[in-house]
Amino acid sequence: MKKIEAIIKPFKLDDVKDALQEMGVQGLSVIEVKGFGRQKGHTELYRGAEYVVDFLPKVKIEIVLAEAQVEQAIETICTAAKTDKIGDGKIFVSPVEQAIRIRTGEHGEDAI
């Protein structure tokens, strides 16, 4: 099993969620986050005063999948989240040692 963490632009969340559901992903978690990468934030004007916005709003999607689905999920996220502009996001993949469904006690891939 693998865990995919994708950090994307907030307005792309529905596109990514719909694409993953079409692919057969049954569950995901969404967290509102703030951060920066190469984009490094930007300057804004508010009531005549300039200020720097260091941390930009993003959305983090977390999914745990069987290893056989990981490459397709990555391609799906990339296609749905891409705007061809700086700040499109990042995807991280890490191993998951165990998963347990609390209600039934199922373990491993049966729990996801």
N, C-alpha and C. Protein backbone atom coordinates (compact mmCIF):
# COMPACT_ATOMS: atom_id res chain seq x y z
N MET A 1 0.84 -1.18 0.00
CA MET A 1 0.00 0.00 0.00
C MET A 1 0.88 1.23 0.00
N LYS A 2 0.37 2.30 -0.59
CA LYS A 2 1.09 3.58 -0.65
C LYS A 2 0.15 4.71 -0.25
N LYS A 3 0.76 5.75 0.31
CA LYS A 3 0.01 6.97 0.63
C LYS A 3 0.45 8.05 -0.35
N ILE A 4 -0.52 8.66 -1.00
CA ILE A 4 -0.26 9.78 -1.91
C ILE A 4 -0.71 11.04 -1.21
N GLU A 5 0.19 12.01 -1.14
CA GLU A 5 -0.13 13.34 -0.64
C GLU A 5 0.06 14.30 -1.81
N ALA A 6 -1.00 14.98 -2.18
CA ALA A 6 -0.94 15.93 -3.29
C ALA A 6 -1.31 17.31 -2.77
N ILE A 7 -0.44 18.26 -3.03
CA ILE A 7 -0.71 19.65 -2.65
C ILE A 7 -1.03 20.40 -3.94
N ILE A 8 -2.24 20.95 -4.01
CA ILE A 8 -2.73 21.54 -5.25
C ILE A 8 -3.37 22.91 -4.97
N LYS A 9 -3.69 23.61 -6.06
CA LYS A 9 -4.42 24.88 -5.94
C LYS A 9 -5.86 24.59 -5.51
N PRO A 10 -6.40 25.40 -4.60
CA PRO A 10 -7.74 25.12 -4.08
C PRO A 10 -8.84 25.01 -5.13
N PHE A 11 -8.78 25.82 -6.17
CA PHE A 11 -9.87 25.80 -7.15
C PHE A 11 -9.84 24.55 -8.03
N LYS A 12 -8.79 23.73 -7.93
CA LYS A 12 -8.70 22.49 -8.70
C LYS A 12 -9.20 21.28 -7.91
N LEU A 13 -9.60 21.48 -6.66
CA LEU A 13 -9.99 20.36 -5.81
C LEU A 13 -11.14 19.55 -6.41
N ASP A 14 -12.20 20.20 -6.86
CA ASP A 14 -13.34 19.45 -7.40
C ASP A 14 -12.95 18.65 -8.63
N ASP A 15 -12.12 19.22 -9.50
CA ASP A 15 -11.68 18.50 -10.69
C ASP A 15 -10.89 17.25 -10.31
N VAL A 16 -9.98 17.39 -9.35
CA VAL A 16 -9.17 16.26 -8.92
C VAL A 16 -10.03 15.20 -8.24
N LYS A 17 -10.93 15.63 -7.35
CA LYS A 17 -11.81 14.69 -6.65
C LYS A 17 -12.67 13.90 -7.64
N ASP A 18 -13.27 14.60 -8.59
CA ASP A 18 -14.12 13.93 -9.59
C ASP A 18 -13.32 12.94 -10.42
N ALA A 19 -12.11 13.33 -10.84
CA ALA A 19 -11.27 12.45 -11.65
C ALA A 19 -10.85 11.20 -10.86
N LEU A 20 -10.53 11.37 -9.59
CA LEU A 20 -10.15 10.23 -8.76
C LEU A 20 -11.34 9.30 -8.52
N GLN A 21 -12.53 9.86 -8.35
CA GLN A 21 -13.72 9.02 -8.16
C GLN A 21 -14.01 8.22 -9.43
N GLU A 22 -13.84 8.84 -10.59
CA GLU A 22 -14.03 8.13 -11.85
C GLU A 22 -13.06 6.98 -11.99
N MET A 23 -11.85 7.15 -11.43
CA MET A 23 -10.81 6.14 -11.47
C MET A 23 -11.10 4.99 -10.51
N GLY A 24 -11.99 5.22 -9.55
CA GLY A 24 -12.34 4.17 -8.60
C GLY A 24 -11.84 4.39 -7.19
N VAL A 25 -11.25 5.56 -6.92
CA VAL A 25 -10.81 5.86 -5.56
C VAL A 25 -12.04 6.04 -4.69
N GLN A 26 -12.09 5.32 -3.56
CA GLN A 26 -13.29 5.33 -2.74
C GLN A 26 -13.24 6.31 -1.58
N GLY A 27 -12.07 6.77 -1.21
CA GLY A 27 -11.99 7.70 -0.09
C GLY A 27 -10.74 8.55 -0.15
N LEU A 28 -10.86 9.76 0.35
CA LEU A 28 -9.71 10.65 0.43
C LEU A 28 -9.94 11.66 1.54
N SER A 29 -8.86 12.23 2.00
CA SER A 29 -8.93 13.29 3.01
C SER A 29 -8.44 14.58 2.39
N VAL A 30 -9.05 15.68 2.80
CA VAL A 30 -8.67 17.00 2.28
C VAL A 30 -8.37 17.91 3.46
N ILE A 31 -7.25 18.60 3.38
CA ILE A 31 -6.83 19.51 4.44
C ILE A 31 -6.47 20.85 3.79
N GLU A 32 -6.97 21.94 4.34
CA GLU A 32 -6.57 23.26 3.86
C GLU A 32 -5.22 23.59 4.49
N VAL A 33 -4.25 23.93 3.65
CA VAL A 33 -2.90 24.24 4.13
C VAL A 33 -2.43 25.55 3.52
N LYS A 34 -1.35 26.08 4.07
CA LYS A 34 -0.69 27.25 3.50
C LYS A 34 0.78 26.93 3.36
N GLY A 35 1.41 27.44 2.33
CA GLY A 35 2.82 27.17 2.15
C GLY A 35 3.37 27.90 0.95
N PHE A 36 4.63 27.61 0.66
CA PHE A 36 5.25 28.17 -0.54
C PHE A 36 6.33 27.24 -1.03
N GLY A 37 6.61 27.35 -2.30
CA GLY A 37 7.70 26.62 -2.92
C GLY A 37 8.50 27.62 -3.71
N ARG A 38 8.75 27.32 -4.96
CA ARG A 38 9.47 28.25 -5.82
C ARG A 38 8.70 29.53 -6.04
N GLN A 39 7.39 29.44 -5.87
CA GLN A 39 6.50 30.59 -6.08
C GLN A 39 6.84 31.72 -5.10
N LYS A 40 7.24 31.40 -3.90
CA LYS A 40 7.70 32.32 -2.86
C LYS A 40 6.70 33.41 -2.45
N GLY A 41 5.43 33.20 -2.65
CA GLY A 41 4.45 34.20 -2.25
C GLY A 41 4.41 35.37 -3.22
N HIS A 42 3.75 36.43 -2.81
CA HIS A 42 3.61 37.61 -3.68
C HIS A 42 3.29 38.83 -2.82
N THR A 43 3.33 40.00 -3.46
CA THR A 43 3.02 41.26 -2.77
C THR A 43 1.60 41.67 -3.11
N GLU A 44 0.86 42.14 -2.11
CA GLU A 44 -0.50 42.63 -2.33
C GLU A 44 -0.63 44.03 -1.76
N LEU A 45 -1.62 44.73 -2.25
CA LEU A 45 -1.92 46.08 -1.78
C LEU A 45 -3.23 46.03 -1.02
N TYR A 46 -3.23 46.52 0.24
CA TYR A 46 -4.44 46.53 1.05
C TYR A 46 -4.56 47.89 1.71
N ARG A 47 -5.62 48.62 1.38
CA ARG A 47 -5.86 49.97 1.92
C ARG A 47 -4.64 50.86 1.79
N GLY A 48 -4.03 50.78 0.62
CA GLY A 48 -2.91 51.65 0.33
C GLY A 48 -1.57 51.18 0.85
N ALA A 49 -1.55 50.12 1.61
CA ALA A 49 -0.27 49.62 2.15
C ALA A 49 0.09 48.30 1.46
N GLU A 50 1.36 48.18 1.11
CA GLU A 50 1.84 46.96 0.48
C GLU A 50 2.27 45.98 1.56
N TYR A 51 1.95 44.72 1.36
CA TYR A 51 2.44 43.70 2.28
C TYR A 51 2.72 42.42 1.50
N VAL A 52 3.60 41.60 2.05
CA VAL A 52 4.01 40.37 1.39
C VAL A 52 3.19 39.20 1.94
N VAL A 53 2.62 38.43 1.03
CA VAL A 53 1.91 37.21 1.39
C VAL A 53 2.91 36.07 1.21
N ASP A 54 3.51 35.62 2.32
CA ASP A 54 4.53 34.57 2.24
C ASP A 54 3.94 33.19 2.00
N PHE A 55 2.84 32.90 2.67
CA PHE A 55 2.24 31.58 2.57
C PHE A 55 0.97 31.66 1.74
N LEU A 56 0.93 30.86 0.70
CA LEU A 56 -0.22 30.86 -0.20
C LEU A 56 -1.18 29.73 0.17
N PRO A 57 -2.49 29.96 0.02
CA PRO A 57 -3.45 28.91 0.35
C PRO A 57 -3.36 27.76 -0.66
N LYS A 58 -3.32 26.56 -0.15
CA LYS A 58 -3.30 25.35 -0.97
C LYS A 58 -4.23 24.33 -0.33
N VAL A 59 -4.44 23.22 -1.01
CA VAL A 59 -5.23 22.11 -0.50
C VAL A 59 -4.36 20.87 -0.56
N LYS A 60 -4.37 20.10 0.52
CA LYS A 60 -3.61 18.85 0.55
C LYS A 60 -4.60 17.68 0.53
N ILE A 61 -4.42 16.80 -0.44
CA ILE A 61 -5.25 15.61 -0.57
C ILE A 61 -4.41 14.42 -0.13
N GLU A 62 -4.98 13.57 0.70
CA GLU A 62 -4.29 12.36 1.14
C GLU A 62 -5.13 11.15 0.75
N ILE A 63 -4.47 10.17 0.12
CA ILE A 63 -5.14 8.95 -0.33
C ILE A 63 -4.23 7.77 0.00
N VAL A 64 -4.80 6.69 0.48
CA VAL A 64 -4.06 5.44 0.65
C VAL A 64 -4.64 4.44 -0.35
N LEU A 65 -3.74 3.87 -1.18
CA LEU A 65 -4.17 2.99 -2.26
C LEU A 65 -3.36 1.71 -2.30
N ALA A 66 -3.90 0.72 -2.98
CA ALA A 66 -3.13 -0.47 -3.30
C ALA A 66 -2.04 -0.04 -4.28
N GLU A 67 -0.90 -0.70 -4.21
CA GLU A 67 0.24 -0.31 -5.03
C GLU A 67 -0.09 -0.33 -6.53
N ALA A 68 -0.98 -1.21 -6.94
CA ALA A 68 -1.34 -1.32 -8.36
C ALA A 68 -2.05 -0.07 -8.88
N GLN A 69 -2.66 0.74 -8.01
CA GLN A 69 -3.41 1.92 -8.43
C GLN A 69 -2.59 3.21 -8.40
N VAL A 70 -1.39 3.16 -7.84
CA VAL A 70 -0.64 4.39 -7.56
C VAL A 70 -0.29 5.17 -8.82
N GLU A 71 0.26 4.53 -9.82
CA GLU A 71 0.68 5.25 -11.03
C GLU A 71 -0.51 5.90 -11.73
N GLN A 72 -1.62 5.19 -11.81
CA GLN A 72 -2.82 5.76 -12.44
C GLN A 72 -3.32 6.95 -11.64
N ALA A 73 -3.28 6.86 -10.31
CA ALA A 73 -3.74 7.97 -9.46
C ALA A 73 -2.84 9.19 -9.64
N ILE A 74 -1.54 8.98 -9.75
CA ILE A 74 -0.61 10.09 -9.96
C ILE A 74 -0.90 10.78 -11.29
N GLU A 75 -1.08 10.00 -12.33
CA GLU A 75 -1.39 10.57 -13.65
C GLU A 75 -2.72 11.33 -13.61
N THR A 76 -3.70 10.77 -12.92
CA THR A 76 -5.02 11.39 -12.81
C THR A 76 -4.93 12.73 -12.09
N ILE A 77 -4.20 12.77 -10.99
CA ILE A 77 -4.04 14.02 -10.23
C ILE A 77 -3.31 15.05 -11.07
N CYS A 78 -2.22 14.64 -11.73
CA CYS A 78 -1.45 15.58 -12.56
C CYS A 78 -2.31 16.19 -13.66
N THR A 79 -3.08 15.36 -14.33
CA THR A 79 -3.93 15.84 -15.42
C THR A 79 -5.00 16.80 -14.91
N ALA A 80 -5.66 16.44 -13.80
CA ALA A 80 -6.77 17.24 -13.29
C ALA A 80 -6.31 18.53 -12.60
N ALA A 81 -5.11 18.54 -12.02
CA ALA A 81 -4.65 19.70 -11.24
C ALA A 81 -3.82 20.68 -12.05
N LYS A 82 -3.40 20.29 -13.22
CA LYS A 82 -2.46 21.10 -14.01
C LYS A 82 -3.10 22.35 -14.60
N THR A 83 -2.43 23.48 -14.41
CA THR A 83 -2.85 24.74 -15.03
C THR A 83 -1.74 25.31 -15.93
N ASP A 84 -0.58 24.67 -15.91
CA ASP A 84 0.60 25.14 -16.65
C ASP A 84 1.16 26.45 -16.10
N LYS A 85 0.81 26.78 -14.86
CA LYS A 85 1.33 27.99 -14.24
C LYS A 85 2.08 27.60 -12.98
N ILE A 86 2.96 28.48 -12.54
CA ILE A 86 3.73 28.22 -11.33
C ILE A 86 2.78 28.04 -10.15
N GLY A 87 3.12 27.10 -9.26
CA GLY A 87 2.29 26.86 -8.09
C GLY A 87 1.26 25.77 -8.27
N ASP A 88 1.37 24.98 -9.35
CA ASP A 88 0.40 23.89 -9.58
C ASP A 88 0.44 22.85 -8.47
N GLY A 89 1.58 22.68 -7.81
CA GLY A 89 1.63 21.78 -6.66
C GLY A 89 2.67 20.69 -6.78
N LYS A 90 2.58 19.76 -5.83
CA LYS A 90 3.51 18.64 -5.74
C LYS A 90 2.75 17.40 -5.31
N ILE A 91 3.34 16.24 -5.63
CA ILE A 91 2.79 14.95 -5.21
C ILE A 91 3.91 14.19 -4.51
N PHE A 92 3.60 13.64 -3.35
CA PHE A 92 4.54 12.82 -2.59
C PHE A 92 3.94 11.44 -2.40
N VAL A 93 4.76 10.40 -2.55
CA VAL A 93 4.30 9.03 -2.37
C VAL A 93 5.17 8.38 -1.30
N SER A 94 4.52 7.74 -0.32
CA SER A 94 5.27 7.07 0.73
C SER A 94 4.61 5.72 1.05
N PRO A 95 5.40 4.79 1.57
CA PRO A 95 4.84 3.47 1.90
C PRO A 95 3.94 3.52 3.13
N VAL A 96 2.95 2.64 3.13
CA VAL A 96 2.06 2.48 4.29
C VAL A 96 2.24 1.04 4.77
N GLU A 97 2.64 0.88 6.01
CA GLU A 97 2.90 -0.45 6.54
C GLU A 97 1.62 -1.21 6.87
N GLN A 98 0.63 -0.51 7.39
CA GLN A 98 -0.58 -1.19 7.82
C GLN A 98 -1.76 -0.24 7.77
N ALA A 99 -2.93 -0.79 7.50
CA ALA A 99 -4.18 -0.04 7.56
C ALA A 99 -5.20 -0.92 8.28
N ILE A 100 -5.99 -0.32 9.14
CA ILE A 100 -7.00 -1.05 9.89
C ILE A 100 -8.31 -0.27 9.83
N ARG A 101 -9.38 -0.94 9.42
CA ARG A 101 -10.71 -0.32 9.47
C ARG A 101 -11.24 -0.52 10.89
N ILE A 102 -11.47 0.55 11.59
CA ILE A 102 -11.85 0.48 13.00
C ILE A 102 -13.16 -0.28 13.19
N ARG A 103 -14.15 0.01 12.36
CA ARG A 103 -15.48 -0.58 12.54
C ARG A 103 -15.46 -2.10 12.43
N THR A 104 -14.75 -2.66 11.44
CA THR A 104 -14.80 -4.09 11.17
C THR A 104 -13.54 -4.84 11.61
N GLY A 105 -12.47 -4.11 11.85
CA GLY A 105 -11.22 -4.78 12.21
C GLY A 105 -10.44 -5.31 11.02
N GLU A 106 -10.91 -5.01 9.80
CA GLU A 106 -10.19 -5.46 8.61
C GLU A 106 -8.79 -4.85 8.58
N HIS A 107 -7.85 -5.61 8.01
CA HIS A 107 -6.46 -5.17 7.94
C HIS A 107 -5.98 -5.11 6.49
N GLY A 108 -4.92 -4.33 6.26
CA GLY A 108 -4.28 -4.26 4.95
C GLY A 108 -5.17 -3.62 3.90
N GLU A 109 -5.04 -4.13 2.66
CA GLU A 109 -5.81 -3.56 1.54
C GLU A 109 -7.31 -3.71 1.72
N ASP A 110 -7.75 -4.71 2.50
CA ASP A 110 -9.18 -4.87 2.77
C ASP A 110 -9.74 -3.67 3.54
N ALA A 111 -8.87 -3.00 4.30
CA ALA A 111 -9.30 -1.86 5.11
C ALA A 111 -9.41 -0.57 4.32
N ILE A 112 -8.82 -0.53 3.14
CA ILE A 112 -8.90 0.70 2.35
C ILE A 112 -9.94 0.56 1.28
